[in-house]
Amino acid sequence: MNITVFGGAHPQEGTAAYEEARGLGMLLAERGHAVLTGGYMGTMEAVSRGVHEAGGHVIGVTCEDIETWRATKANPWVKEERRKKSLIERIQALIEGCDAAMALSGGAGTLTEISLMWNLMIVESLPPRPLILIGRGWRSTFDQFFKEFESYMPVHQRKLLYFAEDVKTAVKIIENSE
C-alpha cells in the first residue's frame, strides 16, 4: 500500500515525537508499504528516515509555496520527490496518492490535511480509506469537536476516522484493513 503520513514540522532529532515518527516509518517499511510525506523537516524527516533505514521507499511531496516561505529542500531520505507548485496541489497529491493515511501530532497544516481528506470522503469525492489519527491529542480534540457540533456530523461521517493510541496500534489498523 501507499501510506501517507501527516505531521508537524517542529519535532527535532532526539525528541520523543521525532523518534515516534521514525519508528512509524520503520514499521510501515518493514511491512512493505511505500510512504508519502510532505518531504521536509520534523515529522516528515523522521518518518522518511525510518522508512529509509528499514529499506523502504520514501516519496516526498514538496512544493514551491513552502520553499518560498521557508528556505528548505527535501530531506535527505526522500527517494522519490514529487514537486508541486502550490500547497493546495501538494496536499491534494498526498491525499489522492495514498491507500491510507495517518496523522501524528501537528499544527494547522496537519489539521488542514486531516479535515480535507475527511471531507472529501464525506462528500464521496474520495473513496473511503483509513484515516488514522494517532495519539491522545487528536482523540481529545475530535471528541470535543464531536460534542460541540454533534448535529453537523452524523455517526457514519465520524466512523470515517480511526483513532490509535500509538503508532503500533495505527499499523495494526492498516493491517486489518488490507
N, C-alpha and C. Protein backbone atom coordinates (compact mmCIF):
# COMPACT_ATOMS: atom_id res chain seq x y z
N MET A 1 0.84 -1.19 0.00
CA MET A 1 0.00 0.00 0.00
C MET A 1 0.88 1.25 0.00
N ASN A 2 0.32 2.34 -0.48
CA ASN A 2 0.93 3.66 -0.33
C ASN A 2 0.28 4.31 0.89
N ILE A 3 1.09 4.64 1.88
CA ILE A 3 0.59 5.22 3.11
C ILE A 3 1.12 6.65 3.24
N THR A 4 0.23 7.61 3.36
CA THR A 4 0.63 9.00 3.62
C THR A 4 0.67 9.21 5.13
N VAL A 5 1.74 9.89 5.57
CA VAL A 5 1.84 10.26 6.98
C VAL A 5 1.90 11.78 7.07
N PHE A 6 0.92 12.35 7.77
CA PHE A 6 0.87 13.78 8.04
C PHE A 6 1.47 14.04 9.42
N GLY A 7 2.02 15.21 9.61
CA GLY A 7 2.55 15.58 10.93
C GLY A 7 3.29 16.89 10.87
N GLY A 8 3.59 17.41 12.02
CA GLY A 8 4.19 18.74 12.14
C GLY A 8 5.66 18.80 11.75
N ALA A 9 6.09 20.01 11.43
CA ALA A 9 7.47 20.26 11.01
C ALA A 9 8.41 20.54 12.18
N HIS A 10 7.90 20.59 13.40
CA HIS A 10 8.72 21.02 14.53
C HIS A 10 9.56 19.96 15.24
N PRO A 11 9.16 18.69 15.29
CA PRO A 11 9.96 17.73 16.04
C PRO A 11 11.42 17.67 15.58
N GLN A 12 12.30 17.67 16.55
CA GLN A 12 13.75 17.63 16.30
C GLN A 12 14.29 16.24 16.62
N GLU A 13 15.38 15.88 15.96
CA GLU A 13 16.04 14.61 16.24
C GLU A 13 16.32 14.50 17.74
N GLY A 14 16.04 13.33 18.30
CA GLY A 14 16.28 13.09 19.72
C GLY A 14 15.07 13.33 20.60
N THR A 15 14.04 13.99 20.08
CA THR A 15 12.82 14.20 20.88
C THR A 15 11.92 12.98 20.75
N ALA A 16 11.00 12.85 21.70
CA ALA A 16 10.07 11.71 21.68
C ALA A 16 9.22 11.73 20.41
N ALA A 17 8.76 12.90 19.99
CA ALA A 17 7.92 12.99 18.78
C ALA A 17 8.69 12.55 17.53
N TYR A 18 9.95 12.95 17.44
CA TYR A 18 10.78 12.56 16.29
C TYR A 18 10.97 11.04 16.28
N GLU A 19 11.31 10.48 17.41
CA GLU A 19 11.56 9.04 17.49
C GLU A 19 10.29 8.23 17.24
N GLU A 20 9.13 8.74 17.69
CA GLU A 20 7.87 8.08 17.40
C GLU A 20 7.63 8.04 15.89
N ALA A 21 7.86 9.15 15.22
CA ALA A 21 7.66 9.24 13.78
C ALA A 21 8.65 8.34 13.04
N ARG A 22 9.88 8.33 13.48
CA ARG A 22 10.90 7.47 12.88
C ARG A 22 10.49 6.00 13.03
N GLY A 23 10.02 5.64 14.21
CA GLY A 23 9.55 4.27 14.45
C GLY A 23 8.38 3.90 13.56
N LEU A 24 7.46 4.83 13.35
CA LEU A 24 6.33 4.58 12.46
C LEU A 24 6.83 4.29 11.05
N GLY A 25 7.76 5.10 10.57
CA GLY A 25 8.33 4.87 9.24
C GLY A 25 8.94 3.49 9.11
N MET A 26 9.67 3.08 10.15
CA MET A 26 10.29 1.74 10.13
C MET A 26 9.23 0.64 10.08
N LEU A 27 8.20 0.77 10.93
CA LEU A 27 7.14 -0.24 10.96
C LEU A 27 6.45 -0.37 9.60
N LEU A 28 6.17 0.76 8.97
CA LEU A 28 5.50 0.72 7.67
C LEU A 28 6.38 0.09 6.60
N ALA A 29 7.66 0.47 6.57
CA ALA A 29 8.59 -0.08 5.58
C ALA A 29 8.80 -1.57 5.79
N GLU A 30 8.89 -2.01 7.03
CA GLU A 30 9.09 -3.43 7.33
C GLU A 30 7.92 -4.27 6.82
N ARG A 31 6.78 -3.65 6.66
CA ARG A 31 5.59 -4.36 6.16
C ARG A 31 5.41 -4.17 4.66
N GLY A 32 6.39 -3.56 4.01
CA GLY A 32 6.39 -3.44 2.56
C GLY A 32 5.63 -2.26 1.98
N HIS A 33 5.21 -1.32 2.83
CA HIS A 33 4.47 -0.16 2.33
C HIS A 33 5.41 0.92 1.83
N ALA A 34 5.02 1.60 0.75
CA ALA A 34 5.67 2.84 0.33
C ALA A 34 5.04 3.95 1.17
N VAL A 35 5.83 4.95 1.52
CA VAL A 35 5.34 6.00 2.41
C VAL A 35 5.51 7.36 1.76
N LEU A 36 4.41 8.14 1.78
CA LEU A 36 4.43 9.52 1.29
C LEU A 36 4.43 10.46 2.49
N THR A 37 5.29 11.48 2.43
CA THR A 37 5.29 12.53 3.44
C THR A 37 5.38 13.86 2.71
N GLY A 38 5.28 14.93 3.48
CA GLY A 38 5.45 16.27 2.92
C GLY A 38 6.88 16.54 2.50
N GLY A 39 7.81 15.66 2.87
CA GLY A 39 9.17 15.70 2.34
C GLY A 39 10.18 16.60 3.01
N TYR A 40 9.77 17.37 4.00
CA TYR A 40 10.70 18.33 4.58
C TYR A 40 11.21 17.89 5.95
N MET A 41 11.14 18.75 6.95
CA MET A 41 11.73 18.50 8.27
C MET A 41 10.70 18.00 9.28
N GLY A 42 11.16 17.81 10.50
CA GLY A 42 10.28 17.41 11.59
C GLY A 42 9.74 16.00 11.42
N THR A 43 8.45 15.85 11.58
CA THR A 43 7.80 14.54 11.44
C THR A 43 8.08 13.95 10.07
N MET A 44 8.04 14.79 9.04
CA MET A 44 8.25 14.32 7.67
C MET A 44 9.64 13.71 7.51
N GLU A 45 10.63 14.38 8.09
CA GLU A 45 12.01 13.88 8.04
C GLU A 45 12.14 12.58 8.83
N ALA A 46 11.58 12.57 10.03
CA ALA A 46 11.70 11.40 10.89
C ALA A 46 11.05 10.16 10.26
N VAL A 47 9.85 10.31 9.72
CA VAL A 47 9.18 9.19 9.06
C VAL A 47 10.01 8.74 7.86
N SER A 48 10.45 9.69 7.05
CA SER A 48 11.27 9.37 5.87
C SER A 48 12.53 8.62 6.27
N ARG A 49 13.16 9.07 7.33
CA ARG A 49 14.39 8.43 7.81
C ARG A 49 14.11 7.00 8.26
N GLY A 50 13.03 6.80 9.01
CA GLY A 50 12.68 5.46 9.45
C GLY A 50 12.40 4.52 8.29
N VAL A 51 11.68 5.00 7.30
CA VAL A 51 11.39 4.20 6.10
C VAL A 51 12.70 3.84 5.41
N HIS A 52 13.55 4.83 5.21
CA HIS A 52 14.83 4.62 4.53
C HIS A 52 15.69 3.60 5.28
N GLU A 53 15.79 3.77 6.59
CA GLU A 53 16.63 2.88 7.40
C GLU A 53 16.12 1.44 7.38
N ALA A 54 14.82 1.26 7.16
CA ALA A 54 14.25 -0.09 7.09
C ALA A 54 14.21 -0.61 5.65
N GLY A 55 14.80 0.13 4.72
CA GLY A 55 14.90 -0.32 3.34
C GLY A 55 13.67 -0.07 2.50
N GLY A 56 12.79 0.83 2.94
CA GLY A 56 11.57 1.10 2.21
C GLY A 56 11.68 2.24 1.22
N HIS A 57 10.57 2.52 0.57
CA HIS A 57 10.51 3.56 -0.46
C HIS A 57 9.84 4.81 0.11
N VAL A 58 10.55 5.94 0.04
CA VAL A 58 10.08 7.22 0.58
C VAL A 58 9.73 8.14 -0.58
N ILE A 59 8.50 8.63 -0.58
CA ILE A 59 8.05 9.61 -1.57
C ILE A 59 7.82 10.92 -0.83
N GLY A 60 8.55 11.95 -1.21
CA GLY A 60 8.38 13.27 -0.62
C GLY A 60 7.61 14.16 -1.57
N VAL A 61 6.49 14.69 -1.12
CA VAL A 61 5.69 15.59 -1.96
C VAL A 61 6.01 17.01 -1.49
N THR A 62 6.73 17.73 -2.32
CA THR A 62 7.22 19.06 -1.97
C THR A 62 6.55 20.11 -2.85
N CYS A 63 6.75 21.40 -2.52
CA CYS A 63 6.12 22.43 -3.35
C CYS A 63 6.86 23.76 -3.25
N GLU A 64 6.67 24.54 -4.29
CA GLU A 64 7.29 25.87 -4.38
C GLU A 64 6.79 26.79 -3.26
N ASP A 65 5.50 26.74 -2.93
CA ASP A 65 4.97 27.62 -1.88
C ASP A 65 5.74 27.47 -0.57
N ILE A 66 5.99 26.24 -0.14
CA ILE A 66 6.72 26.01 1.11
C ILE A 66 8.15 26.50 0.98
N GLU A 67 8.79 26.21 -0.13
CA GLU A 67 10.20 26.58 -0.31
C GLU A 67 10.40 28.08 -0.49
N THR A 68 9.38 28.78 -0.93
CA THR A 68 9.44 30.24 -0.98
C THR A 68 9.25 30.83 0.41
N TRP A 69 8.34 30.24 1.18
CA TRP A 69 8.03 30.71 2.52
C TRP A 69 9.17 30.43 3.49
N ARG A 70 9.77 29.26 3.39
CA ARG A 70 10.83 28.85 4.30
C ARG A 70 11.93 28.21 3.45
N ALA A 71 13.11 28.76 3.49
CA ALA A 71 14.22 28.24 2.69
C ALA A 71 14.52 26.80 3.11
N THR A 72 14.02 25.85 2.33
CA THR A 72 14.21 24.44 2.64
C THR A 72 14.14 23.62 1.36
N LYS A 73 14.66 22.44 1.44
CA LYS A 73 14.60 21.47 0.34
C LYS A 73 14.16 20.13 0.92
N ALA A 74 13.93 19.16 0.06
CA ALA A 74 13.53 17.83 0.51
C ALA A 74 14.59 17.26 1.44
N ASN A 75 14.14 16.49 2.45
CA ASN A 75 15.10 15.89 3.38
C ASN A 75 15.91 14.80 2.67
N PRO A 76 17.06 14.45 3.23
CA PRO A 76 17.98 13.53 2.53
C PRO A 76 17.48 12.10 2.39
N TRP A 77 16.40 11.73 3.07
CA TRP A 77 15.91 10.35 3.00
C TRP A 77 14.81 10.17 1.96
N VAL A 78 14.42 11.24 1.29
CA VAL A 78 13.42 11.13 0.23
C VAL A 78 14.08 10.44 -0.97
N LYS A 79 13.47 9.35 -1.39
CA LYS A 79 13.99 8.60 -2.54
C LYS A 79 13.38 9.09 -3.85
N GLU A 80 12.09 9.46 -3.78
CA GLU A 80 11.36 9.96 -4.95
C GLU A 80 10.69 11.28 -4.57
N GLU A 81 11.03 12.34 -5.26
CA GLU A 81 10.42 13.64 -4.97
C GLU A 81 9.35 13.93 -6.03
N ARG A 82 8.17 14.31 -5.54
CA ARG A 82 7.07 14.73 -6.42
C ARG A 82 6.82 16.21 -6.13
N ARG A 83 7.34 17.06 -7.00
CA ARG A 83 7.25 18.51 -6.79
C ARG A 83 5.92 19.05 -7.32
N LYS A 84 5.34 19.94 -6.54
CA LYS A 84 4.12 20.63 -6.92
C LYS A 84 4.37 22.12 -6.82
N LYS A 85 3.55 22.89 -7.50
CA LYS A 85 3.71 24.34 -7.45
C LYS A 85 3.13 24.91 -6.16
N SER A 86 1.89 24.55 -5.85
CA SER A 86 1.21 25.18 -4.72
C SER A 86 1.01 24.21 -3.55
N LEU A 87 0.75 24.78 -2.41
CA LEU A 87 0.46 24.00 -1.22
C LEU A 87 -0.81 23.17 -1.41
N ILE A 88 -1.80 23.74 -2.07
CA ILE A 88 -3.05 23.01 -2.34
C ILE A 88 -2.78 21.77 -3.19
N GLU A 89 -1.96 21.92 -4.24
CA GLU A 89 -1.62 20.78 -5.10
C GLU A 89 -0.84 19.73 -4.32
N ARG A 90 0.01 20.17 -3.41
CA ARG A 90 0.79 19.26 -2.57
C ARG A 90 -0.13 18.43 -1.68
N ILE A 91 -1.04 19.10 -0.99
CA ILE A 91 -1.97 18.39 -0.11
C ILE A 91 -2.83 17.42 -0.92
N GLN A 92 -3.28 17.86 -2.07
CA GLN A 92 -4.09 17.00 -2.94
C GLN A 92 -3.30 15.75 -3.34
N ALA A 93 -2.04 15.90 -3.69
CA ALA A 93 -1.20 14.75 -4.07
C ALA A 93 -1.01 13.79 -2.91
N LEU A 94 -0.82 14.32 -1.70
CA LEU A 94 -0.67 13.46 -0.52
C LEU A 94 -1.94 12.67 -0.24
N ILE A 95 -3.08 13.31 -0.41
CA ILE A 95 -4.37 12.67 -0.14
C ILE A 95 -4.73 11.67 -1.24
N GLU A 96 -4.63 12.09 -2.48
CA GLU A 96 -5.06 11.23 -3.58
C GLU A 96 -4.08 10.11 -3.88
N GLY A 97 -2.83 10.28 -3.46
CA GLY A 97 -1.80 9.29 -3.77
C GLY A 97 -1.70 8.15 -2.78
N CYS A 98 -2.60 8.10 -1.81
CA CYS A 98 -2.47 7.07 -0.77
C CYS A 98 -3.65 6.11 -0.74
N ASP A 99 -3.37 4.93 -0.19
CA ASP A 99 -4.40 3.94 0.09
C ASP A 99 -4.91 4.07 1.52
N ALA A 100 -4.13 4.75 2.34
CA ALA A 100 -4.48 5.02 3.74
C ALA A 100 -3.61 6.18 4.19
N ALA A 101 -4.06 6.88 5.23
CA ALA A 101 -3.28 7.99 5.76
C ALA A 101 -3.28 7.92 7.28
N MET A 102 -2.21 8.47 7.85
CA MET A 102 -2.05 8.55 9.29
C MET A 102 -1.65 9.98 9.63
N ALA A 103 -2.05 10.42 10.81
CA ALA A 103 -1.65 11.76 11.26
C ALA A 103 -1.03 11.66 12.65
N LEU A 104 0.22 12.09 12.75
CA LEU A 104 0.87 12.25 14.03
C LEU A 104 0.58 13.67 14.51
N SER A 105 1.10 14.04 15.64
CA SER A 105 0.86 15.39 16.18
C SER A 105 1.30 16.46 15.18
N GLY A 106 0.59 17.57 15.20
CA GLY A 106 0.93 18.66 14.31
C GLY A 106 0.07 19.87 14.59
N GLY A 107 0.23 20.86 13.74
CA GLY A 107 -0.48 22.12 13.92
C GLY A 107 -1.53 22.34 12.85
N ALA A 108 -1.64 23.59 12.42
CA ALA A 108 -2.68 23.98 11.46
C ALA A 108 -2.58 23.20 10.15
N GLY A 109 -1.37 22.98 9.67
CA GLY A 109 -1.20 22.25 8.42
C GLY A 109 -1.71 20.82 8.53
N THR A 110 -1.37 20.16 9.62
CA THR A 110 -1.80 18.77 9.82
C THR A 110 -3.32 18.72 9.96
N LEU A 111 -3.88 19.65 10.71
CA LEU A 111 -5.33 19.71 10.86
C LEU A 111 -6.01 19.94 9.51
N THR A 112 -5.44 20.78 8.68
CA THR A 112 -5.97 21.03 7.34
C THR A 112 -5.98 19.75 6.52
N GLU A 113 -4.88 19.01 6.56
CA GLU A 113 -4.77 17.77 5.79
C GLU A 113 -5.81 16.75 6.25
N ILE A 114 -5.95 16.59 7.56
CA ILE A 114 -6.96 15.67 8.12
C ILE A 114 -8.36 16.10 7.67
N SER A 115 -8.67 17.38 7.88
CA SER A 115 -10.01 17.88 7.59
C SER A 115 -10.37 17.75 6.12
N LEU A 116 -9.43 18.08 5.25
CA LEU A 116 -9.71 18.00 3.82
C LEU A 116 -9.93 16.55 3.39
N MET A 117 -9.06 15.66 3.83
CA MET A 117 -9.21 14.26 3.44
C MET A 117 -10.53 13.69 3.96
N TRP A 118 -10.84 13.99 5.21
CA TRP A 118 -12.09 13.52 5.81
C TRP A 118 -13.29 14.06 5.03
N ASN A 119 -13.28 15.35 4.71
CA ASN A 119 -14.40 15.94 3.99
C ASN A 119 -14.54 15.37 2.58
N LEU A 120 -13.43 15.12 1.92
CA LEU A 120 -13.51 14.52 0.58
C LEU A 120 -14.14 13.13 0.64
N MET A 121 -13.88 12.40 1.72
CA MET A 121 -14.53 11.09 1.87
C MET A 121 -16.01 11.26 2.20
N ILE A 122 -16.33 12.26 3.01
CA ILE A 122 -17.74 12.50 3.36
C ILE A 122 -18.57 12.79 2.12
N VAL A 123 -18.06 13.65 1.23
CA VAL A 123 -18.83 14.02 0.03
C VAL A 123 -18.60 13.05 -1.13
N GLU A 124 -17.90 11.96 -0.84
CA GLU A 124 -17.65 10.88 -1.79
C GLU A 124 -16.87 11.31 -3.02
N SER A 125 -16.03 12.34 -2.86
CA SER A 125 -15.08 12.71 -3.91
C SER A 125 -13.86 11.79 -3.87
N LEU A 126 -13.65 11.20 -2.70
CA LEU A 126 -12.53 10.30 -2.47
C LEU A 126 -13.12 9.02 -1.89
N PRO A 127 -12.82 7.87 -2.51
CA PRO A 127 -13.33 6.62 -1.92
C PRO A 127 -12.83 6.46 -0.49
N PRO A 128 -13.66 5.91 0.38
CA PRO A 128 -13.24 5.73 1.77
C PRO A 128 -11.96 4.91 1.87
N ARG A 129 -11.10 5.33 2.77
CA ARG A 129 -9.86 4.63 3.08
C ARG A 129 -9.50 4.97 4.51
N PRO A 130 -8.69 4.18 5.16
CA PRO A 130 -8.35 4.50 6.55
C PRO A 130 -7.68 5.87 6.69
N LEU A 131 -8.19 6.65 7.61
CA LEU A 131 -7.58 7.91 8.03
C LEU A 131 -7.42 7.79 9.54
N ILE A 132 -6.20 7.52 9.96
CA ILE A 132 -5.91 7.16 11.34
C ILE A 132 -5.21 8.31 12.06
N LEU A 133 -5.82 8.77 13.13
CA LEU A 133 -5.27 9.87 13.92
C LEU A 133 -4.60 9.27 15.15
N ILE A 134 -3.32 9.55 15.30
CA ILE A 134 -2.51 8.88 16.32
C ILE A 134 -2.27 9.79 17.52
N GLY A 135 -2.58 9.27 18.70
CA GLY A 135 -2.27 9.96 19.94
C GLY A 135 -3.49 10.56 20.62
N ARG A 136 -3.31 10.83 21.90
CA ARG A 136 -4.40 11.37 22.73
C ARG A 136 -4.83 12.77 22.28
N GLY A 137 -3.90 13.55 21.74
CA GLY A 137 -4.23 14.91 21.33
C GLY A 137 -5.33 14.95 20.29
N TRP A 138 -5.21 14.10 19.26
CA TRP A 138 -6.25 14.07 18.22
C TRP A 138 -7.54 13.54 18.79
N ARG A 139 -7.47 12.51 19.62
CA ARG A 139 -8.68 11.92 20.20
C ARG A 139 -9.44 12.97 21.02
N SER A 140 -8.73 13.68 21.89
CA SER A 140 -9.42 14.67 22.73
C SER A 140 -9.93 15.85 21.90
N THR A 141 -9.18 16.26 20.89
CA THR A 141 -9.61 17.35 20.01
C THR A 141 -10.91 16.98 19.29
N PHE A 142 -10.93 15.80 18.70
CA PHE A 142 -12.12 15.40 17.96
C PHE A 142 -13.28 15.03 18.87
N ASP A 143 -13.01 14.49 20.05
CA ASP A 143 -14.11 14.23 20.99
C ASP A 143 -14.82 15.55 21.33
N GLN A 144 -14.04 16.58 21.57
CA GLN A 144 -14.63 17.90 21.88
C GLN A 144 -15.38 18.45 20.66
N PHE A 145 -14.79 18.30 19.49
CA PHE A 145 -15.41 18.76 18.25
C PHE A 145 -16.75 18.05 18.03
N PHE A 146 -16.75 16.72 18.19
CA PHE A 146 -17.98 15.95 18.02
C PHE A 146 -19.03 16.38 19.04
N LYS A 147 -18.61 16.63 20.26
CA LYS A 147 -19.54 17.02 21.33
C LYS A 147 -20.17 18.38 21.02
N GLU A 148 -19.36 19.35 20.65
CA GLU A 148 -19.84 20.71 20.42
C GLU A 148 -20.67 20.84 19.14
N PHE A 149 -20.34 20.04 18.12
CA PHE A 149 -21.01 20.17 16.83
C PHE A 149 -21.67 18.86 16.39
N GLU A 150 -22.20 18.16 17.35
CA GLU A 150 -22.77 16.83 17.13
C GLU A 150 -23.78 16.79 15.98
N SER A 151 -24.66 17.77 15.90
CA SER A 151 -25.72 17.74 14.88
C SER A 151 -25.18 17.92 13.46
N TYR A 152 -23.95 18.37 13.32
CA TYR A 152 -23.36 18.57 12.00
C TYR A 152 -22.65 17.33 11.47
N MET A 153 -22.44 16.34 12.34
CA MET A 153 -21.68 15.15 11.94
C MET A 153 -22.40 13.88 12.34
N PRO A 154 -23.16 13.32 11.42
CA PRO A 154 -23.80 12.04 11.73
C PRO A 154 -22.75 10.96 12.03
N VAL A 155 -23.18 9.93 12.70
CA VAL A 155 -22.27 8.86 13.12
C VAL A 155 -21.52 8.27 11.93
N HIS A 156 -22.18 8.08 10.78
CA HIS A 156 -21.49 7.47 9.63
C HIS A 156 -20.32 8.34 9.15
N GLN A 157 -20.38 9.65 9.35
CA GLN A 157 -19.25 10.51 9.00
C GLN A 157 -18.13 10.38 10.02
N ARG A 158 -18.46 10.26 11.27
CA ARG A 158 -17.46 10.09 12.32
C ARG A 158 -16.71 8.78 12.15
N LYS A 159 -17.42 7.77 11.67
CA LYS A 159 -16.80 6.45 11.53
C LYS A 159 -15.74 6.40 10.43
N LEU A 160 -15.61 7.46 9.64
CA LEU A 160 -14.55 7.52 8.64
C LEU A 160 -13.19 7.78 9.27
N LEU A 161 -13.19 8.23 10.51
CA LEU A 161 -11.94 8.48 11.24
C LEU A 161 -11.64 7.32 12.18
N TYR A 162 -10.38 6.93 12.21
CA TYR A 162 -9.91 5.91 13.15
C TYR A 162 -8.98 6.60 14.13
N PHE A 163 -9.00 6.15 15.37
CA PHE A 163 -8.12 6.71 16.39
C PHE A 163 -7.23 5.61 16.94
N ALA A 164 -5.96 5.92 17.09
CA ALA A 164 -4.98 4.96 17.61
C ALA A 164 -4.19 5.62 18.73
N GLU A 165 -4.01 4.90 19.81
CA GLU A 165 -3.23 5.42 20.95
C GLU A 165 -1.78 5.66 20.58
N ASP A 166 -1.22 4.79 19.72
CA ASP A 166 0.20 4.87 19.39
C ASP A 166 0.44 4.33 17.98
N VAL A 167 1.69 4.40 17.54
CA VAL A 167 2.00 4.00 16.16
C VAL A 167 1.80 2.51 15.93
N LYS A 168 2.07 1.68 16.92
CA LYS A 168 1.86 0.24 16.75
C LYS A 168 0.39 -0.08 16.53
N THR A 169 -0.47 0.57 17.27
CA THR A 169 -1.91 0.38 17.09
C THR A 169 -2.35 0.87 15.71
N ALA A 170 -1.80 1.98 15.26
CA ALA A 170 -2.13 2.51 13.94
C ALA A 170 -1.74 1.53 12.84
N VAL A 171 -0.57 0.91 12.97
CA VAL A 171 -0.14 -0.06 11.97
C VAL A 171 -1.04 -1.29 12.00
N LYS A 172 -1.51 -1.69 13.16
CA LYS A 172 -2.46 -2.82 13.24
C LYS A 172 -3.76 -2.49 12.52
N ILE A 173 -4.21 -1.26 12.62
CA ILE A 173 -5.43 -0.85 11.92
C ILE A 173 -5.23 -1.00 10.41
N ILE A 174 -4.07 -0.60 9.92
CA ILE A 174 -3.75 -0.76 8.49
C ILE A 174 -3.76 -2.24 8.11
N GLU A 175 -3.12 -3.06 8.92
CA GLU A 175 -3.05 -4.50 8.62
C GLU A 175 -4.44 -5.10 8.58
N ASN A 176 -5.33 -4.66 9.44
CA ASN A 176 -6.70 -5.20 9.47
C ASN A 176 -7.55 -4.69 8.33
N SER A 177 -7.13 -3.62 7.67
CA SER A 177 -7.91 -3.06 6.56
C SER A 177 -7.52 -3.63 5.21
N GLU A 178 -6.40 -4.35 5.16
CA GLU A 178 -5.91 -4.88 3.88
C GLU A 178 -6.74 -6.05 3.41
